[in-house]
């Protein structure tokens, strides 16, 4: 995927805390189409290609139900390689009886739904980047109805058979609830080096590197000043952000330290919290 390799900084995976690992695994395998890469005790790692970890699930002891109106995960988004893959996935969801929403965002075509614990999921394909309308470093985005007829007609019957997530599937972006938008923007731009690619009124921002429409989105739709969720509740535990080189990561860590961001070194990686308490595991592409 062009925008999910160096020189971009991009999300590669995430970990979610669940109250019922067996139920979560059943959903993510049968509905979303993941493969189980590994299961050990109360945790599991899921993959699209049988090699790369995309989603980890962990069931803590005495976990609390998901708390609403907090910071944390709005949705994570799986980027499919081909439009025909999205057509097959839509057909699959309909057969499964899963309720979903859909939108055309000019830069992408997207399907939205929830897992059994109300974690938001987006599955999407990008439109041709040559058609994206950039003006003064901002890209035009919108939310208009998805033309299902056109989508399904773009793939013949043989391509509308869902066989699970295509091996080339990646995390396209992650969308987060934050407490204060300006504070979060400063962390992600000045600290991690993202650029603001688009804004929605005064309540959401879309940030990217390498002229993608967004690798990370931020919103205050759970309320300005929203609190952090309890640590032992169903929630986003952390997501992994890949920087294009060791040098770029060291520069980001230096900036984050200057901003007094909470940092913990974990071998060659760093765990950091954004101002809303969303944890990020920073890693670098090997030299």
Protein backbone atom coordinates (compact mmCIF):
# COMPACT_ATOMS: atom_id res chain seq x y z
CA UNK A 1 0.00 0.00 0.00
CA UNK A 2 1.58 3.26 -1.15
CA UNK A 3 0.69 5.39 1.88
CA UNK A 4 1.44 2.71 4.46
CA UNK A 5 5.15 2.28 3.85
CA UNK A 6 8.12 4.65 4.26
CA UNK A 7 8.40 7.59 3.92
CA UNK A 8 4.96 7.75 5.57
CA UNK A 9 4.32 7.42 9.30
CA UNK A 10 1.39 5.05 9.66
CA UNK A 11 -0.60 2.83 12.03
CA UNK A 12 0.26 -0.86 11.71
CA UNK A 13 -1.76 -2.54 14.47
CA UNK A 14 -3.80 -2.07 17.63
CA UNK A 15 -4.70 -3.93 20.81
CA UNK A 16 -8.20 -3.95 22.30
CA UNK A 17 -9.29 -5.10 25.74
CA UNK A 18 -12.32 -7.40 25.58
CA UNK A 19 -14.67 -8.86 28.18
CA UNK A 20 -15.22 -12.07 26.20
CA UNK A 21 -12.30 -13.29 24.12
CA UNK A 22 -14.16 -16.27 22.66
CA UNK A 23 -17.05 -14.12 21.44
CA UNK A 24 -14.68 -11.49 20.05
CA UNK A 25 -12.66 -14.12 18.18
CA UNK A 26 -15.78 -15.65 16.67
CA UNK A 27 -16.88 -12.24 15.39
CA UNK A 28 -13.52 -11.16 14.02
CA UNK A 29 -13.01 -14.47 12.25
CA UNK A 30 -16.48 -15.13 10.83
CA UNK A 31 -17.68 -11.57 10.19
CA UNK A 32 -14.54 -9.53 9.55
CA UNK A 33 -12.46 -12.33 8.05
CA UNK A 34 -9.30 -12.35 10.16
CA UNK A 35 -7.04 -15.36 10.68
CA UNK A 36 -5.85 -16.25 14.18
CA UNK A 37 -2.09 -15.90 14.15
CA UNK A 38 -1.64 -16.92 17.78
CA UNK A 39 -3.73 -17.58 20.87
CA UNK A 40 -2.14 -17.87 24.31
CA UNK A 41 -4.24 -17.87 27.47
CA UNK A 42 -6.42 -14.78 27.59
CA UNK A 43 -5.02 -13.12 24.47
CA UNK A 44 -4.99 -13.60 20.72
CA UNK A 45 -3.29 -12.02 17.71
CA UNK A 46 -5.15 -11.68 14.42
CA UNK A 47 -3.79 -11.27 10.91
CA UNK A 48 -4.93 -10.90 7.32
CA UNK A 49 -2.01 -12.75 5.73
CA UNK A 50 -1.01 -15.21 8.45
CA UNK A 51 2.19 -13.26 9.15
CA UNK A 52 1.61 -9.61 10.07
CA UNK A 53 -0.23 -8.82 13.31
CA UNK A 54 -3.06 -6.33 12.76
CA UNK A 55 -5.37 -6.74 15.76
CA UNK A 56 -4.58 -8.12 19.21
CA UNK A 57 -7.32 -8.98 21.70
CA UNK A 58 -6.71 -9.37 25.42
CA UNK A 59 -9.19 -10.26 28.18
CA UNK A 60 -7.99 -8.87 31.53
CA UNK A 61 -9.17 -10.33 34.83
CA UNK A 62 -12.32 -8.67 36.19
CA UNK A 63 -12.65 -6.47 33.12
CA UNK A 64 -15.41 -3.84 33.21
CA UNK A 65 -17.90 -3.23 30.38
CA UNK A 66 -17.18 -0.52 27.84
CA UNK A 67 -17.74 2.98 29.22
CA UNK A 68 -19.34 5.53 26.92
CA UNK A 69 -18.75 9.28 26.57
CA UNK A 70 -15.01 8.85 27.17
CA UNK A 71 -11.85 9.29 25.15
CA UNK A 72 -10.50 6.29 23.27
CA UNK A 73 -11.36 4.44 20.09
CA UNK A 74 -13.99 5.81 17.72
CA UNK A 75 -13.08 3.27 15.06
CA UNK A 76 -10.17 1.52 13.45
CA UNK A 77 -10.19 1.24 9.68
CA UNK A 78 -9.14 -1.69 7.52
CA UNK A 79 -7.96 -0.67 4.07
CA UNK A 80 -8.66 -3.26 1.37
CA UNK A 81 -6.49 -3.41 -1.77
CA UNK A 82 -9.24 -3.48 -4.42
CA UNK A 83 -12.73 -2.06 -4.92
CA UNK A 84 -13.95 -5.55 -5.78
CA UNK A 85 -12.87 -6.62 -2.27
CA UNK A 86 -15.22 -4.03 -0.76
CA UNK A 87 -18.03 -5.23 -3.02
CA UNK A 88 -17.46 -8.79 -1.79
CA UNK A 89 -17.37 -7.61 1.82
CA UNK A 90 -20.66 -5.70 1.48
CA UNK A 91 -22.31 -8.82 0.04
CA UNK A 92 -20.86 -10.88 2.90
CA UNK A 93 -22.10 -8.48 5.60
CA UNK A 94 -25.59 -8.50 4.12
CA UNK A 95 -25.64 -12.31 4.14
CA UNK A 96 -24.45 -12.29 7.75
CA UNK A 97 -27.28 -9.95 8.73
CA UNK A 98 -24.87 -7.35 10.11
CA UNK A 99 -26.21 -3.80 10.35
CA UNK A 100 -23.85 -1.32 8.73
CA UNK A 101 -23.62 2.21 7.43
CA UNK A 102 -21.88 3.40 4.29
CA UNK A 103 -20.44 6.63 2.91
CA UNK A 104 -18.48 8.01 -0.01
CA UNK A 105 -15.87 10.48 1.27
CA UNK A 106 -14.49 11.57 -2.16
CA UNK A 107 -11.12 10.12 -1.11
CA UNK A 108 -12.58 6.75 -0.14
CA UNK A 109 -15.62 4.47 -0.10
CA UNK A 110 -16.37 3.11 3.36
CA UNK A 111 -18.51 0.67 5.34
CA UNK A 112 -19.07 1.18 9.09
CA UNK A 113 -20.25 -1.26 11.75
CA UNK A 114 -19.58 -2.35 15.35
CA UNK A 115 -18.17 -5.41 17.02
CA UNK A 116 -20.20 -7.07 19.83
CA UNK A 117 -18.66 -4.70 22.41
CA UNK A 118 -19.41 -1.50 20.47
CA UNK A 119 -15.91 -0.95 19.13
CA UNK A 120 -16.25 0.88 15.83
CA UNK A 121 -14.87 -0.69 12.65
CA UNK A 122 -14.50 0.80 9.18
CA UNK A 123 -13.66 -1.23 6.09
CA UNK A 124 -12.80 0.87 3.05
CA UNK A 125 -11.04 1.35 -0.24
CA UNK A 126 -9.33 4.49 -1.45
CA UNK A 127 -10.40 6.22 -4.60
CA UNK A 128 -7.67 7.04 -7.13
CA UNK A 129 -5.25 9.46 -5.38
CA UNK A 130 -4.94 11.33 -8.68
CA UNK A 131 -8.56 12.45 -8.19
CA UNK A 132 -8.04 13.83 -4.68
CA UNK A 133 -8.49 17.59 -4.61
CA UNK A 134 -5.68 19.20 -2.62
CA UNK A 135 -5.67 22.94 -2.05
CA UNK A 136 -3.22 24.74 0.24
CA UNK A 137 -2.18 21.47 1.94
CA UNK A 138 -5.80 20.47 2.66
CA UNK A 139 -7.68 17.67 0.89
CA UNK A 140 -11.38 17.86 0.02
CA UNK A 141 -13.44 15.27 1.91
CA UNK A 142 -17.19 14.84 2.26
CA UNK A 143 -19.81 12.39 3.51
CA UNK A 144 -22.27 11.47 0.77
CA UNK A 145 -24.27 8.29 0.10
CA UNK A 146 -22.35 5.32 -1.24
CA UNK A 147 -23.61 4.09 -4.61
CA UNK A 148 -24.06 0.39 -3.85
CA UNK A 149 -25.23 -0.37 -7.37
CA UNK A 150 -22.08 1.06 -8.89
CA UNK A 151 -19.90 -0.64 -6.28
CA UNK A 152 -21.42 -4.08 -6.83
CA UNK A 153 -21.46 -3.74 -10.61
CA UNK A 154 -17.74 -3.01 -10.55
CA UNK A 155 -17.09 -6.63 -9.58
CA UNK A 156 -18.37 -9.67 -11.44
CA UNK A 157 -20.17 -12.44 -9.52
CA UNK A 158 -16.95 -14.43 -9.13
CA UNK A 159 -15.32 -11.46 -7.35
CA UNK A 160 -18.26 -10.94 -5.00
CA UNK A 161 -17.44 -14.09 -3.04
CA UNK A 162 -15.90 -13.16 0.32
CA UNK A 163 -12.96 -15.38 1.22
CA UNK A 164 -11.78 -13.46 4.25
CA UNK A 165 -9.58 -10.39 4.43
CA UNK A 166 -7.23 -10.14 1.45
CA UNK A 167 -3.60 -10.74 2.47
CA UNK A 168 -2.65 -7.16 1.52
CA UNK A 169 -5.16 -5.63 3.97
CA UNK A 170 -3.63 -3.04 6.33
CA UNK A 171 -4.78 -0.64 9.01
CA UNK A 172 -5.62 2.37 6.88
CA UNK A 173 -6.18 4.75 9.77
CA UNK A 174 -7.40 5.04 13.34
CA UNK A 175 -10.03 7.52 14.54
CA UNK A 176 -9.88 8.60 18.19
CA UNK A 177 -12.06 10.38 20.71
CA UNK A 178 -10.04 13.09 22.46
CA UNK A 179 -10.77 15.60 25.23
CA UNK A 180 -9.61 18.82 23.59
CA UNK A 181 -9.02 19.07 19.86
CA UNK A 182 -6.38 21.81 19.87
CA UNK A 183 -4.36 20.04 22.53
CA UNK A 184 -4.47 16.77 20.60
CA UNK A 185 -3.58 18.47 17.31
CA UNK A 186 -0.50 19.99 18.92
CA UNK A 187 0.65 16.60 20.21
CA UNK A 188 0.26 14.86 16.86
CA UNK A 189 1.66 17.66 14.70
CA UNK A 190 4.46 19.14 16.81
CA UNK A 191 5.28 15.92 18.63
CA UNK A 192 4.79 13.19 16.04
CA UNK A 193 5.20 15.19 12.83
CA UNK A 194 1.75 14.82 11.27
CA UNK A 195 0.14 17.46 9.07
CA UNK A 196 -3.51 18.48 9.29
CA UNK A 197 -5.02 17.34 6.00
CA UNK A 198 -8.64 18.27 6.70
CA UNK A 199 -10.95 19.62 9.41
CA UNK A 200 -14.63 19.12 10.09
CA UNK A 201 -16.07 22.24 11.71
CA UNK A 202 -14.44 22.72 15.12
CA UNK A 203 -14.91 19.14 16.30
CA UNK A 204 -12.72 16.86 14.16
CA UNK A 205 -9.31 16.86 12.48
CA UNK A 206 -7.76 14.48 9.97
CA UNK A 207 -3.98 14.14 10.07
CA UNK A 208 -1.54 12.48 7.72
CA UNK A 209 1.95 12.19 6.35
CA UNK A 210 3.10 11.84 2.73
CA UNK A 211 -0.11 13.48 1.42
CA UNK A 212 -2.51 10.73 2.48
CA UNK A 213 -6.04 11.85 3.35
CA UNK A 214 -5.57 10.68 6.95
CA UNK A 215 -3.62 8.17 8.99
CA UNK A 216 -5.13 9.47 12.24
CA UNK A 217 -8.40 11.28 12.92
CA UNK A 218 -9.36 13.08 16.13
CA UNK A 219 -12.75 14.22 17.37
CA UNK A 220 -14.51 15.62 20.44
CA UNK A 221 -17.86 14.00 19.64
CA UNK A 222 -17.97 12.38 23.09
CA UNK A 223 -17.86 15.87 24.55
CA UNK A 224 -15.22 18.54 25.06
CA UNK A 225 -13.29 17.53 28.16
CA UNK A 226 -14.37 13.88 27.89
CA UNK A 227 -12.73 11.75 30.61
CA UNK A 228 -10.47 8.78 30.06
CA UNK A 229 -12.06 5.32 30.28
CA UNK A 230 -11.19 3.08 33.24
CA UNK A 231 -7.96 1.19 32.57
CA UNK A 232 -9.58 -2.19 33.18
CA UNK A 233 -12.58 -1.66 30.91
CA UNK A 234 -13.33 -2.77 27.35
CA UNK A 235 -11.33 -0.19 25.39
CA UNK A 236 -8.44 0.54 23.11
CA UNK A 237 -5.32 -0.57 24.97
CA UNK A 238 -2.81 0.93 22.53
CA UNK A 239 -2.03 1.23 18.85
CA UNK A 240 1.31 0.90 17.07
CA UNK A 241 2.66 3.79 15.04
CA UNK A 242 5.47 3.04 12.58
CA UNK A 243 7.95 5.81 11.85
CA UNK A 244 9.96 5.57 8.60
CA UNK A 245 13.41 5.32 10.23
CA UNK A 246 15.22 5.10 13.55
CA UNK A 247 16.37 8.69 13.06
CA UNK A 248 12.78 9.89 12.61
CA UNK A 249 11.73 8.06 15.77
CA UNK A 250 14.57 9.54 17.81
CA UNK A 251 13.59 13.00 16.58
CA UNK A 252 9.95 12.39 17.54
CA UNK A 253 10.94 11.09 20.99
CA UNK A 254 13.09 14.18 21.54
CA UNK A 255 10.18 16.46 20.64
CA UNK A 256 7.78 14.51 22.87
CA UNK A 257 10.19 14.75 25.80
CA UNK A 258 10.41 18.51 25.29
CA UNK A 259 6.60 18.59 25.47
CA UNK A 260 6.68 16.57 28.74
CA UNK A 261 4.65 13.75 27.20
CA UNK A 262 4.59 10.54 29.28
CA UNK A 263 7.18 8.24 27.67
CA UNK A 264 8.34 4.75 28.57
CA UNK A 265 11.16 3.01 26.72
CA UNK A 266 10.48 -0.64 25.89
CA UNK A 267 13.67 -1.93 24.33
CA UNK A 268 13.93 -0.28 20.91
CA UNK A 269 10.35 1.01 21.13
CA UNK A 270 8.61 3.72 23.15
CA UNK A 271 5.15 3.85 24.70
CA UNK A 272 3.65 7.33 24.85
CA UNK A 273 0.27 8.75 25.80
CA UNK A 274 -1.49 11.49 23.88
CA UNK A 275 -3.14 14.22 26.01
CA UNK A 276 -6.42 12.26 26.04
CA UNK A 277 -4.77 9.12 27.41
CA UNK A 278 -4.67 7.16 24.15
CA UNK A 279 -1.53 5.00 24.32
CA UNK A 280 0.76 4.73 21.29
CA UNK A 281 3.59 2.25 20.79
CA UNK A 282 6.24 3.97 18.67
CA UNK A 283 8.41 1.76 16.51
CA UNK A 284 10.67 2.35 13.52
CA UNK A 285 11.16 0.62 10.20
CA UNK A 286 14.47 -1.27 10.50
CA UNK A 287 17.36 0.44 8.73
